[in-house]
Amino acid sequence: MEKLKDLKTKKERKPVSISLKIDTYADLQALTESAAFKLFIFDKTLTAIKTAIRSKKNEITLFNIVNFNYLLSIDKTDFKKVLENIVQFYIEQEEYEKCKEVDKLIKKL
């Protein structure tokens, strides 16, 4: 039973695969200004950074943008800056419990 548990905890995190449909600059601008898109990106990024900190990774691949054949990764040296941006977003959204969660992660770095 314990061996099965060890296998589950050692399972490697895979980057989130997304496909973006962007035909014009206006499409790109609308996407990046969308609160729903920002929430998706920040939530997935937060989860990835938590995993990286827990597993002591020096880099984490966040997203696989499949239709552009592009992997988006961040280095451990950028975790704090990214987390600070996430906190700002959650403050704007008045998600104060999330802010506390992110602050705790920042302190772990």
PDB file of N, CA and C in Angstrom:
ATOM      1  N   MET A   1       0.813  -1.187   0.000  1.00  0.00           N
ATOM      2  CA  MET A   1       0.000   0.000   0.000  1.00  0.00           C
ATOM      3  C   MET A   1       0.863   1.261   0.000  1.00  0.00           C
ATOM      4  N   GLU A   2       1.916   1.268   0.780  1.00  0.00           N
ATOM      5  CA  GLU A   2       2.773   2.442   0.880  1.00  0.00           C
ATOM      6  C   GLU A   2       3.499   2.737  -0.429  1.00  0.00           C
ATOM      7  N   LYS A   3       3.884   1.708  -1.157  1.00  0.00           N
ATOM      8  CA  LYS A   3       4.560   1.913  -2.438  1.00  0.00           C
ATOM      9  C   LYS A   3       3.647   2.621  -3.427  1.00  0.00           C
ATOM     10  N   LEU A   4       2.376   2.270  -3.418  1.00  0.00           N
ATOM     11  CA  LEU A   4       1.419   2.923  -4.304  1.00  0.00           C
ATOM     12  C   LEU A   4       1.310   4.409  -3.958  1.00  0.00           C
ATOM     13  N   LYS A   5       1.289   4.728  -2.684  1.00  0.00           N
ATOM     14  CA  LYS A   5       1.237   6.123  -2.237  1.00  0.00           C
ATOM     15  C   LYS A   5       2.472   6.882  -2.706  1.00  0.00           C
ATOM     16  N   ASP A   6       3.649   6.285  -2.602  1.00  0.00           N
ATOM     17  CA  ASP A   6       4.886   6.915  -3.052  1.00  0.00           C
ATOM     18  C   ASP A   6       4.855   7.211  -4.540  1.00  0.00           C
ATOM     19  N   LEU A   7       4.292   6.298  -5.317  1.00  0.00           N
ATOM     20  CA  LEU A   7       4.200   6.521  -6.755  1.00  0.00           C
ATOM     21  C   LEU A   7       3.293   7.701  -7.073  1.00  0.00           C
ATOM     22  N   LYS A   8       2.216   7.839  -6.353  1.00  0.00           N
ATOM     23  CA  LYS A   8       1.293   8.943  -6.584  1.00  0.00           C
ATOM     24  C   LYS A   8       1.947  10.284  -6.247  1.00  0.00           C
ATOM     25  N   THR A   9       2.711  10.351  -5.170  1.00  0.00           N
ATOM     26  CA  THR A   9       3.324  11.618  -4.772  1.00  0.00           C
ATOM     27  C   THR A   9       4.489  11.994  -5.671  1.00  0.00           C
ATOM     28  N   LYS A  10       5.090  11.036  -6.329  1.00  0.00           N
ATOM     29  CA  LYS A  10       6.223  11.320  -7.203  1.00  0.00           C
ATOM     30  C   LYS A  10       5.793  11.583  -8.646  1.00  0.00           C
ATOM     31  N   LYS A  11       4.495  11.551  -8.890  1.00  0.00           N
ATOM     32  CA  LYS A  11       3.985  11.780 -10.231  1.00  0.00           C
ATOM     33  C   LYS A  11       4.383  13.188 -10.688  1.00  0.00           C
ATOM     34  N   GLU A  12       4.965  13.274 -11.851  1.00  0.00           N
ATOM     35  CA  GLU A  12       5.445  14.545 -12.401  1.00  0.00           C
ATOM     36  C   GLU A  12       4.273  15.389 -12.900  1.00  0.00           C
ATOM     37  N   ARG A  13       4.301  16.656 -12.568  1.00  0.00           N
ATOM     38  CA  ARG A  13       3.275  17.585 -13.037  1.00  0.00           C
ATOM     39  C   ARG A  13       3.503  17.909 -14.504  1.00  0.00           C
ATOM     40  N   LYS A  14       2.447  17.851 -15.273  1.00  0.00           N
ATOM     41  CA  LYS A  14       2.544  18.199 -16.689  1.00  0.00           C
ATOM     42  C   LYS A  14       2.043  19.619 -16.876  1.00  0.00           C
ATOM     43  N   PRO A  15       2.640  20.351 -17.822  1.00  0.00           N
ATOM     44  CA  PRO A  15       2.150  21.703 -18.078  1.00  0.00           C
ATOM     45  C   PRO A  15       0.723  21.672 -18.621  1.00  0.00           C
ATOM     46  N   VAL A  16      -0.018  22.713 -18.346  1.00  0.00           N
ATOM     47  CA  VAL A  16      -1.385  22.832 -18.834  1.00  0.00           C
ATOM     48  C   VAL A  16      -1.329  23.122 -20.329  1.00  0.00           C
ATOM     49  N   SER A  17      -2.026  22.306 -21.106  1.00  0.00           N
ATOM     50  CA  SER A  17      -2.081  22.519 -22.557  1.00  0.00           C
ATOM     51  C   SER A  17      -3.252  23.429 -22.886  1.00  0.00           C
ATOM     52  N   ILE A  18      -2.945  24.478 -23.653  1.00  0.00           N
ATOM     53  CA  ILE A  18      -4.002  25.385 -24.098  1.00  0.00           C
ATOM     54  C   ILE A  18      -3.814  25.674 -25.578  1.00  0.00           C
ATOM     55  N   SER A  19      -4.908  26.013 -26.202  1.00  0.00           N
ATOM     56  CA  SER A  19      -4.886  26.392 -27.606  1.00  0.00           C
ATOM     57  C   SER A  19      -5.527  27.768 -27.706  1.00  0.00           C
ATOM     58  N   LEU A  20      -4.826  28.686 -28.323  1.00  0.00           N
ATOM     59  CA  LEU A  20      -5.315  30.058 -28.429  1.00  0.00           C
ATOM     60  C   LEU A  20      -5.754  30.356 -29.856  1.00  0.00           C
ATOM     61  N   LYS A  21      -6.939  30.929 -29.986  1.00  0.00           N
ATOM     62  CA  LYS A  21      -7.427  31.345 -31.302  1.00  0.00           C
ATOM     63  C   LYS A  21      -7.332  32.866 -31.345  1.00  0.00           C
ATOM     64  N   ILE A  22      -6.308  33.336 -32.027  1.00  0.00           N
ATOM     65  CA  ILE A  22      -6.060  34.768 -32.121  1.00  0.00           C
ATOM     66  C   ILE A  22      -5.865  35.110 -33.595  1.00  0.00           C
ATOM     67  N   ASP A  23      -6.835  35.808 -34.143  1.00  0.00           N
ATOM     68  CA  ASP A  23      -6.758  36.185 -35.552  1.00  0.00           C
ATOM     69  C   ASP A  23      -6.249  37.612 -35.742  1.00  0.00           C
ATOM     70  N   THR A  24      -6.526  38.449 -34.749  1.00  0.00           N
ATOM     71  CA  THR A  24      -6.136  39.855 -34.876  1.00  0.00           C
ATOM     72  C   THR A  24      -5.546  40.341 -33.559  1.00  0.00           C
ATOM     73  N   TYR A  25      -4.929  41.498 -33.624  1.00  0.00           N
ATOM     74  CA  TYR A  25      -4.407  42.106 -32.403  1.00  0.00           C
ATOM     75  C   TYR A  25      -5.546  42.385 -31.420  1.00  0.00           C
ATOM     76  N   ALA A  26      -6.702  42.756 -31.939  1.00  0.00           N
ATOM     77  CA  ALA A  26      -7.871  43.021 -31.082  1.00  0.00           C
ATOM     78  C   ALA A  26      -8.281  41.753 -30.328  1.00  0.00           C
ATOM     79  N   ASP A  27      -8.177  40.586 -30.978  1.00  0.00           N
ATOM     80  CA  ASP A  27      -8.463  39.313 -30.308  1.00  0.00           C
ATOM     81  C   ASP A  27      -7.502  39.092 -29.143  1.00  0.00           C
ATOM     82  N   LEU A  28      -6.224  39.339 -29.402  1.00  0.00           N
ATOM     83  CA  LEU A  28      -5.206  39.181 -28.362  1.00  0.00           C
ATOM     84  C   LEU A  28      -5.470  40.137 -27.205  1.00  0.00           C
ATOM     85  N   GLN A  29      -5.767  41.370 -27.512  1.00  0.00           N
ATOM     86  CA  GLN A  29      -6.014  42.372 -26.483  1.00  0.00           C
ATOM     87  C   GLN A  29      -7.250  41.992 -25.652  1.00  0.00           C
ATOM     88  N   ALA A  30      -8.308  41.560 -26.311  1.00  0.00           N
ATOM     89  CA  ALA A  30      -9.522  41.158 -25.597  1.00  0.00           C
ATOM     90  C   ALA A  30      -9.246  39.963 -24.678  1.00  0.00           C
ATOM     91  N   LEU A  31      -8.461  39.022 -25.162  1.00  0.00           N
ATOM     92  CA  LEU A  31      -8.130  37.848 -24.356  1.00  0.00           C
ATOM     93  C   LEU A  31      -7.335  38.237 -23.119  1.00  0.00           C
ATOM     94  N   THR A  32      -6.296  39.031 -23.300  1.00  0.00           N
ATOM     95  CA  THR A  32      -5.427  39.387 -22.166  1.00  0.00           C
ATOM     96  C   THR A  32      -6.106  40.318 -21.174  1.00  0.00           C
ATOM     97  N   GLU A  33      -7.156  40.994 -21.578  1.00  0.00           N
ATOM     98  CA  GLU A  33      -7.896  41.863 -20.664  1.00  0.00           C
ATOM     99  C   GLU A  33      -9.056  41.146 -19.981  1.00  0.00           C
ATOM    100  N   SER A  34      -9.358  39.954 -20.418  1.00  0.00           N
ATOM    101  CA  SER A  34     -10.473  39.184 -19.869  1.00  0.00           C
ATOM    102  C   SER A  34     -10.167  38.716 -18.446  1.00  0.00           C
ATOM    103  N   ALA A  35     -11.067  39.035 -17.526  1.00  0.00           N
ATOM    104  CA  ALA A  35     -10.893  38.604 -16.137  1.00  0.00           C
ATOM    105  C   ALA A  35     -10.905  37.085 -16.027  1.00  0.00           C
ATOM    106  N   ALA A  36     -11.735  36.434 -16.821  1.00  0.00           N
ATOM    107  CA  ALA A  36     -11.807  34.962 -16.784  1.00  0.00           C
ATOM    108  C   ALA A  36     -10.487  34.339 -17.231  1.00  0.00           C
ATOM    109  N   PHE A  37      -9.888  34.899 -18.284  1.00  0.00           N
ATOM    110  CA  PHE A  37      -8.605  34.389 -18.769  1.00  0.00           C
ATOM    111  C   PHE A  37      -7.513  34.619 -17.721  1.00  0.00           C
ATOM    112  N   LYS A  38      -7.476  35.814 -17.140  1.00  0.00           N
ATOM    113  CA  LYS A  38      -6.482  36.111 -16.102  1.00  0.00           C
ATOM    114  C   LYS A  38      -6.637  35.167 -14.920  1.00  0.00           C
ATOM    115  N   LEU A  39      -7.880  34.938 -14.502  1.00  0.00           N
ATOM    116  CA  LEU A  39      -8.125  34.033 -13.380  1.00  0.00           C
ATOM    117  C   LEU A  39      -7.614  32.632 -13.703  1.00  0.00           C
ATOM    118  N   PHE A  40      -7.893  32.147 -14.895  1.00  0.00           N
ATOM    119  CA  PHE A  40      -7.412  30.833 -15.325  1.00  0.00           C
ATOM    120  C   PHE A  40      -5.883  30.782 -15.277  1.00  0.00           C
ATOM    121  N   ILE A  41      -5.238  31.774 -15.874  1.00  0.00           N
ATOM    122  CA  ILE A  41      -3.771  31.805 -15.935  1.00  0.00           C
ATOM    123  C   ILE A  41      -3.163  31.888 -14.537  1.00  0.00           C
ATOM    124  N   PHE A  42      -3.677  32.784 -13.714  1.00  0.00           N
ATOM    125  CA  PHE A  42      -3.111  32.955 -12.372  1.00  0.00           C
ATOM    126  C   PHE A  42      -3.364  31.739 -11.489  1.00  0.00           C
ATOM    127  N   ASP A  43      -4.547  31.146 -11.572  1.00  0.00           N
ATOM    128  CA  ASP A  43      -4.821  29.941 -10.782  1.00  0.00           C
ATOM    129  C   ASP A  43      -3.891  28.796 -11.173  1.00  0.00           C
ATOM    130  N   LYS A  44      -3.731  28.573 -12.472  1.00  0.00           N
ATOM    131  CA  LYS A  44      -2.859  27.485 -12.934  1.00  0.00           C
ATOM    132  C   LYS A  44      -1.390  27.775 -12.607  1.00  0.00           C
ATOM    133  N   THR A  45      -1.006  29.032 -12.715  1.00  0.00           N
ATOM    134  CA  THR A  45       0.376  29.411 -12.386  1.00  0.00           C
ATOM    135  C   THR A  45       0.643  29.216 -10.901  1.00  0.00           C
ATOM    136  N   LEU A  46      -0.299  29.614 -10.070  1.00  0.00           N
ATOM    137  CA  LEU A  46      -0.153  29.430  -8.624  1.00  0.00           C
ATOM    138  C   LEU A  46      -0.001  27.953  -8.282  1.00  0.00           C
ATOM    139  N   THR A  47      -0.826  27.118  -8.864  1.00  0.00           N
ATOM    140  CA  THR A  47      -0.734  25.672  -8.626  1.00  0.00           C
ATOM    141  C   THR A  47       0.634  25.134  -9.048  1.00  0.00           C
ATOM    142  N   ALA A  48       1.115  25.574 -10.190  1.00  0.00           N
ATOM    143  CA  ALA A  48       2.413  25.110 -10.694  1.00  0.00           C
ATOM    144  C   ALA A  48       3.556  25.545  -9.781  1.00  0.00           C
ATOM    145  N   ILE A  49       3.506  26.783  -9.327  1.00  0.00           N
ATOM    146  CA  ILE A  49       4.580  27.271  -8.447  1.00  0.00           C
ATOM    147  C   ILE A  49       4.538  26.544  -7.104  1.00  0.00           C
ATOM    148  N   LYS A  50       3.349  26.295  -6.572  1.00  0.00           N
ATOM    149  CA  LYS A  50       3.242  25.524  -5.329  1.00  0.00           C
ATOM    150  C   LYS A  50       3.891  24.162  -5.497  1.00  0.00           C
ATOM    151  N   THR A  51       3.609  23.514  -6.617  1.00  0.00           N
ATOM    152  CA  THR A  51       4.193  22.202  -6.902  1.00  0.00           C
ATOM    153  C   THR A  51       5.713  22.301  -7.005  1.00  0.00           C
ATOM    154  N   ALA A  52       6.195  23.331  -7.674  1.00  0.00           N
ATOM    155  CA  ALA A  52       7.643  23.510  -7.848  1.00  0.00           C
ATOM    156  C   ALA A  52       8.336  23.736  -6.512  1.00  0.00           C
ATOM    157  N   ILE A  53       7.725  24.537  -5.655  1.00  0.00           N
ATOM    158  CA  ILE A  53       8.317  24.804  -4.333  1.00  0.00           C
ATOM    159  C   ILE A  53       8.340  23.529  -3.510  1.00  0.00           C
ATOM    160  N   ARG A  54       7.220  22.809  -3.521  1.00  0.00           N
ATOM    161  CA  ARG A  54       7.124  21.574  -2.747  1.00  0.00           C
ATOM    162  C   ARG A  54       8.150  20.545  -3.207  1.00  0.00           C
ATOM    163  N   SER A  55       8.366  20.466  -4.514  1.00  0.00           N
ATOM    164  CA  SER A  55       9.291  19.461  -5.052  1.00  0.00           C
ATOM    165  C   SER A  55      10.693  20.025  -5.299  1.00  0.00           C
ATOM    166  N   LYS A  56      10.926  21.249  -4.835  1.00  0.00           N
ATOM    167  CA  LYS A  56      12.248  21.892  -4.904  1.00  0.00           C
ATOM    168  C   LYS A  56      12.800  21.966  -6.325  1.00  0.00           C
ATOM    169  N   LYS A  57      11.937  22.364  -7.243  1.00  0.00           N
ATOM    170  CA  LYS A  57      12.339  22.533  -8.648  1.00  0.00           C
ATOM    171  C   LYS A  57      12.932  23.920  -8.848  1.00  0.00           C
ATOM    172  N   ASN A  58      13.904  24.013  -9.742  1.00  0.00           N
ATOM    173  CA  ASN A  58      14.512  25.299 -10.078  1.00  0.00           C
ATOM    174  C   ASN A  58      13.840  25.976 -11.264  1.00  0.00           C
ATOM    175  N   GLU A  59      12.950  25.236 -11.914  1.00  0.00           N
ATOM    176  CA  GLU A  59      12.223  25.758 -13.065  1.00  0.00           C
ATOM    177  C   GLU A  59      10.935  24.958 -13.190  1.00  0.00           C
ATOM    178  N   ILE A  60       9.903  25.613 -13.694  1.00  0.00           N
ATOM    179  CA  ILE A  60       8.645  24.910 -13.916  1.00  0.00           C
ATOM    180  C   ILE A  60       8.066  25.352 -15.256  1.00  0.00           C
ATOM    181  N   THR A  61       7.578  24.375 -16.013  1.00  0.00           N
ATOM    182  CA  THR A  61       6.884  24.683 -17.262  1.00  0.00           C
ATOM    183  C   THR A  61       5.412  24.836 -16.927  1.00  0.00           C
ATOM    184  N   LEU A  62       4.891  26.031 -17.187  1.00  0.00           N
ATOM    185  CA  LEU A  62       3.518  26.348 -16.823  1.00  0.00           C
ATOM    186  C   LEU A  62       2.507  25.889 -17.861  1.00  0.00           C
ATOM    187  N   PHE A  63       2.769  26.277 -19.116  1.00  0.00           N
ATOM    188  CA  PHE A  63       1.785  26.055 -20.169  1.00  0.00           C
ATOM    189  C   PHE A  63       2.445  25.507 -21.423  1.00  0.00           C
ATOM    190  N   ASN A  64       1.682  24.688 -22.106  1.00  0.00           N
ATOM    191  CA  ASN A  64       2.039  24.221 -23.434  1.00  0.00           C
ATOM    192  C   ASN A  64       1.004  24.834 -24.372  1.00  0.00           C
ATOM    193  N   ILE A  65       1.407  25.842 -25.132  1.00  0.00           N
ATOM    194  CA  ILE A  65       0.487  26.486 -26.070  1.00  0.00           C
ATOM    195  C   ILE A  65       0.608  25.695 -27.366  1.00  0.00           C
ATOM    196  N   VAL A  66      -0.304  24.758 -27.515  1.00  0.00           N
ATOM    197  CA  VAL A  66      -0.165  23.721 -28.529  1.00  0.00           C
ATOM    198  C   VAL A  66      -0.205  24.239 -29.960  1.00  0.00           C
ATOM    199  N   ASN A  67      -1.073  25.181 -30.251  1.00  0.00           N
ATOM    200  CA  ASN A  67      -1.164  25.629 -31.638  1.00  0.00           C
ATOM    201  C   ASN A  67      -0.030  26.565 -32.040  1.00  0.00           C
ATOM    202  N   PHE A  68       0.774  26.993 -31.090  1.00  0.00           N
ATOM    203  CA  PHE A  68       1.969  27.776 -31.395  1.00  0.00           C
ATOM    204  C   PHE A  68       3.244  26.966 -31.149  1.00  0.00           C
ATOM    205  N   ASN A  69       3.062  25.703 -30.706  1.00  0.00           N
ATOM    206  CA  ASN A  69       4.193  24.837 -30.395  1.00  0.00           C
ATOM    207  C   ASN A  69       5.178  25.544 -29.458  1.00  0.00           C
ATOM    208  N   TYR A  70       4.632  26.042 -28.320  1.00  0.00           N
ATOM    209  CA  TYR A  70       5.406  26.882 -27.414  1.00  0.00           C
ATOM    210  C   TYR A  70       5.196  26.425 -25.980  1.00  0.00           C
ATOM    211  N   LEU A  71       6.290  26.238 -25.262  1.00  0.00           N
ATOM    212  CA  LEU A  71       6.237  25.926 -23.839  1.00  0.00           C
ATOM    213  C   LEU A  71       6.609  27.176 -23.057  1.00  0.00           C
ATOM    214  N   LEU A  72       5.792  27.532 -22.088  1.00  0.00           N
ATOM    215  CA  LEU A  72       6.050  28.705 -21.260  1.00  0.00           C
ATOM    216  C   LEU A  72       6.542  28.239 -19.899  1.00  0.00           C
ATOM    217  N   SER A  73       7.782  28.594 -19.580  1.00  0.00           N
ATOM    218  CA  SER A  73       8.408  28.178 -18.330  1.00  0.00           C
ATOM    219  C   SER A  73       8.887  29.388 -17.556  1.00  0.00           C
ATOM    220  N   ILE A  74       9.032  29.199 -16.237  1.00  0.00           N
ATOM    221  CA  ILE A  74       9.653  30.243 -15.419  1.00  0.00           C
ATOM    222  C   ILE A  74      10.699  29.619 -14.516  1.00  0.00           C
ATOM    223  N   ASP A  75      11.701  30.403 -14.238  1.00  0.00           N
ATOM    224  CA  ASP A  75      12.803  29.996 -13.386  1.00  0.00           C
ATOM    225  C   ASP A  75      12.477  30.328 -11.928  1.00  0.00           C
ATOM    226  N   LYS A  76      13.052  29.587 -11.024  1.00  0.00           N
ATOM    227  CA  LYS A  76      12.826  29.803  -9.593  1.00  0.00           C
ATOM    228  C   LYS A  76      13.136  31.242  -9.185  1.00  0.00           C
ATOM    229  N   THR A  77      14.108  31.853  -9.830  1.00  0.00           N
ATOM    230  CA  THR A  77      14.460  33.238  -9.482  1.00  0.00           C
ATOM    231  C   THR A  77      13.321  34.210  -9.803  1.00  0.00           C
ATOM    232  N   ASP A  78      12.371  33.790 -10.635  1.00  0.00           N
ATOM    233  CA  ASP A  78      11.229  34.641 -10.988  1.00  0.00           C
ATOM    234  C   ASP A  78       9.954  34.291 -10.221  1.00  0.00           C
ATOM    235  N   PHE A  79       9.990  33.248  -9.405  1.00  0.00           N
ATOM    236  CA  PHE A  79       8.792  32.836  -8.678  1.00  0.00           C
ATOM    237  C   PHE A  79       8.220  33.985  -7.845  1.00  0.00           C
ATOM    238  N   LYS A  80       9.074  34.670  -7.106  1.00  0.00           N
ATOM    239  CA  LYS A  80       8.600  35.741  -6.216  1.00  0.00           C
ATOM    240  C   LYS A  80       7.906  36.848  -7.012  1.00  0.00           C
ATOM    241  N   LYS A  81       8.519  37.277  -8.093  1.00  0.00           N
ATOM    242  CA  LYS A  81       7.937  38.347  -8.903  1.00  0.00           C
ATOM    243  C   LYS A  81       6.588  37.926  -9.473  1.00  0.00           C
ATOM    244  N   VAL A  82       6.491  36.693  -9.939  1.00  0.00           N
ATOM    245  CA  VAL A  82       5.236  36.186 -10.488  1.00  0.00           C
ATOM    246  C   VAL A  82       4.177  36.099  -9.386  1.00  0.00           C
ATOM    247  N   LEU A  83       4.563  35.598  -8.230  1.00  0.00           N
ATOM    248  CA  LEU A  83       3.623  35.506  -7.113  1.00  0.00           C
ATOM    249  C   LEU A  83       3.140  36.884  -6.666  1.00  0.00           C
ATOM    250  N   GLU A  84       4.011  37.872  -6.700  1.00  0.00           N
ATOM    251  CA  GLU A  84       3.601  39.237  -6.352  1.00  0.00           C
ATOM    252  C   GLU A  84       2.568  39.770  -7.345  1.00  0.00           C
ATOM    253  N   ASN A  85       2.716  39.432  -8.621  1.00  0.00           N
ATOM    254  CA  ASN A  85       1.715  39.817  -9.625  1.00  0.00           C
ATOM    255  C   ASN A  85       0.384  39.105  -9.376  1.00  0.00           C
ATOM    256  N   ILE A  86       0.471  37.859  -8.972  1.00  0.00           N
ATOM    257  CA  ILE A  86      -0.737  37.095  -8.672  1.00  0.00           C
ATOM    258  C   ILE A  86      -1.460  37.713  -7.477  1.00  0.00           C
ATOM    259  N   VAL A  87      -0.716  38.101  -6.450  1.00  0.00           N
ATOM    260  CA  VAL A  87      -1.325  38.750  -5.281  1.00  0.00           C
ATOM    261  C   VAL A  87      -2.065  40.009  -5.700  1.00  0.00           C
ATOM    262  N   GLN A  88      -1.454  40.818  -6.553  1.00  0.00           N
ATOM    263  CA  GLN A  88      -2.103  42.046  -7.008  1.00  0.00           C
ATOM    264  C   GLN A  88      -3.428  41.745  -7.702  1.00  0.00           C
ATOM    265  N   PHE A  89      -3.436  40.714  -8.527  1.00  0.00           N
ATOM    266  CA  PHE A  89      -4.672  40.327  -9.207  1.00  0.00           C
ATOM    267  C   PHE A  89      -5.737  39.910  -8.194  1.00  0.00           C
ATOM    268  N   TYR A  90      -5.351  39.069  -7.223  1.00  0.00           N
ATOM    269  CA  TYR A  90      -6.317  38.608  -6.232  1.00  0.00           C
ATOM    270  C   TYR A  90      -6.816  39.760  -5.356  1.00  0.00           C
ATOM    271  N   ILE A  91      -5.986  40.748  -5.091  1.00  0.00           N
ATOM    272  CA  ILE A  91      -6.431  41.934  -4.355  1.00  0.00           C
ATOM    273  C   ILE A  91      -7.512  42.651  -5.157  1.00  0.00           C
ATOM    274  N   GLU A  92      -7.264  42.840  -6.448  1.00  0.00           N
ATOM    275  CA  GLU A  92      -8.249  43.493  -7.318  1.00  0.00           C
ATOM    276  C   GLU A  92      -9.567  42.719  -7.354  1.00  0.00           C
ATOM    277  N   GLN A  93      -9.475  41.400  -7.269  1.00  0.00           N
ATOM    278  CA  GLN A  93     -10.665  40.543  -7.298  1.00  0.00           C
ATOM    279  C   GLN A  93     -11.278  40.358  -5.903  1.00  0.00           C
ATOM    280  N   GLU A  94     -10.638  40.940  -4.900  1.00  0.00           N
ATOM    281  CA  GLU A  94     -11.053  40.825  -3.497  1.00  0.00           C
ATOM    282  C   GLU A  94     -11.089  39.368  -3.025  1.00  0.00           C
ATOM    283  N   GLU A  95     -10.107  38.619  -3.483  1.00  0.00           N
ATOM    284  CA  GLU A  95      -9.936  37.211  -3.095  1.00  0.00           C
ATOM    285  C   GLU A  95      -8.858  37.160  -2.006  1.00  0.00           C
ATOM    286  N   TYR A  96      -9.232  37.584  -0.804  1.00  0.00           N
ATOM    287  CA  TYR A  96      -8.240  37.779   0.249  1.00  0.00           C
ATOM    288  C   TYR A  96      -7.682  36.471   0.810  1.00  0.00           C
ATOM    289  N   GLU A  97      -8.466  35.408   0.777  1.00  0.00           N
ATOM    290  CA  GLU A  97      -7.942  34.109   1.210  1.00  0.00           C
ATOM    291  C   GLU A  97      -6.826  33.647   0.269  1.00  0.00           C
ATOM    292  N   LYS A  98      -7.014  33.883  -1.022  1.00  0.00           N
ATOM    293  CA  LYS A  98      -5.973  33.538  -1.998  1.00  0.00           C
ATOM    294  C   LYS A  98      -4.728  34.385  -1.750  1.00  0.00           C
ATOM    295  N   CYS A  99      -4.933  35.653  -1.397  1.00  0.00           N
ATOM    296  CA  CYS A  99      -3.796  36.537  -1.107  1.00  0.00           C
ATOM    297  C   CYS A  99      -2.964  35.973   0.042  1.00  0.00           C
ATOM    298  N   LYS A 100      -3.632  35.512   1.083  1.00  0.00           N
ATOM    299  CA  LYS A 100      -2.927  34.925   2.231  1.00  0.00           C
ATOM    300  C   LYS A 100      -2.128  33.697   1.803  1.00  0.00           C
ATOM    301  N   GLU A 101      -2.751  32.873   0.966  1.00  0.00           N
ATOM    302  CA  GLU A 101      -2.095  31.666   0.467  1.00  0.00           C
ATOM    303  C   GLU A 101      -0.824  32.025  -0.309  1.00  0.00           C
ATOM    304  N   VAL A 102      -0.925  33.020  -1.175  1.00  0.00           N
ATOM    305  CA  VAL A 102       0.220  33.434  -1.972  1.00  0.00           C
ATOM    306  C   VAL A 102       1.295  34.070  -1.101  1.00  0.00           C
ATOM    307  N   ASP A 103       0.886  34.879  -0.136  1.00  0.00           N
ATOM    308  CA  ASP A 103       1.858  35.483   0.791  1.00  0.00           C
ATOM    309  C   ASP A 103       2.668  34.432   1.529  1.00  0.00           C
ATOM    310  N   LYS A 104       2.013  33.354   1.943  1.00  0.00           N
ATOM    311  CA  LYS A 104       2.719  32.255   2.619  1.00  0.00           C
ATOM    312  C   LYS A 104       3.762  31.632   1.687  1.00  0.00           C
ATOM    313  N   LEU A 105       3.396  31.471   0.414  1.00  0.00           N
ATOM    314  CA  LEU A 105       4.352  30.919  -0.549  1.00  0.00           C
ATOM    315  C   LEU A 105       5.549  31.840  -0.740  1.00  0.00           C
ATOM    316  N   ILE A 106       5.294  33.134  -0.833  1.00  0.00           N
ATOM    317  CA  ILE A 106       6.373  34.100  -0.998  1.00  0.00           C
ATOM    318  C   ILE A 106       7.349  33.994   0.164  1.00  0.00           C
ATOM    319  N   LYS A 107       6.826  33.826   1.369  1.00  0.00           N
ATOM    320  CA  LYS A 107       7.682  33.714   2.549  1.00  0.00           C
ATOM    321  C   LYS A 107       8.529  32.445   2.544  1.00  0.00           C
ATOM    322  N   LYS A 108       8.056  31.406   1.850  1.00  0.00           N
ATOM    323  CA  LYS A 108       8.809  30.152   1.760  1.00  0.00           C
ATOM    324  C   LYS A 108      10.020  30.263   0.841  1.00  0.00           C
ATOM    325  N   LEU A 109      10.011  31.257  -0.026  1.00  0.00           N
ATOM    326  CA  LEU A 109      11.095  31.379  -1.013  1.00  0.00           C
ATOM    327  C   LEU A 109      12.369  31.915  -0.390  1.00  0.00           C
TER     328      LEU A 109
END
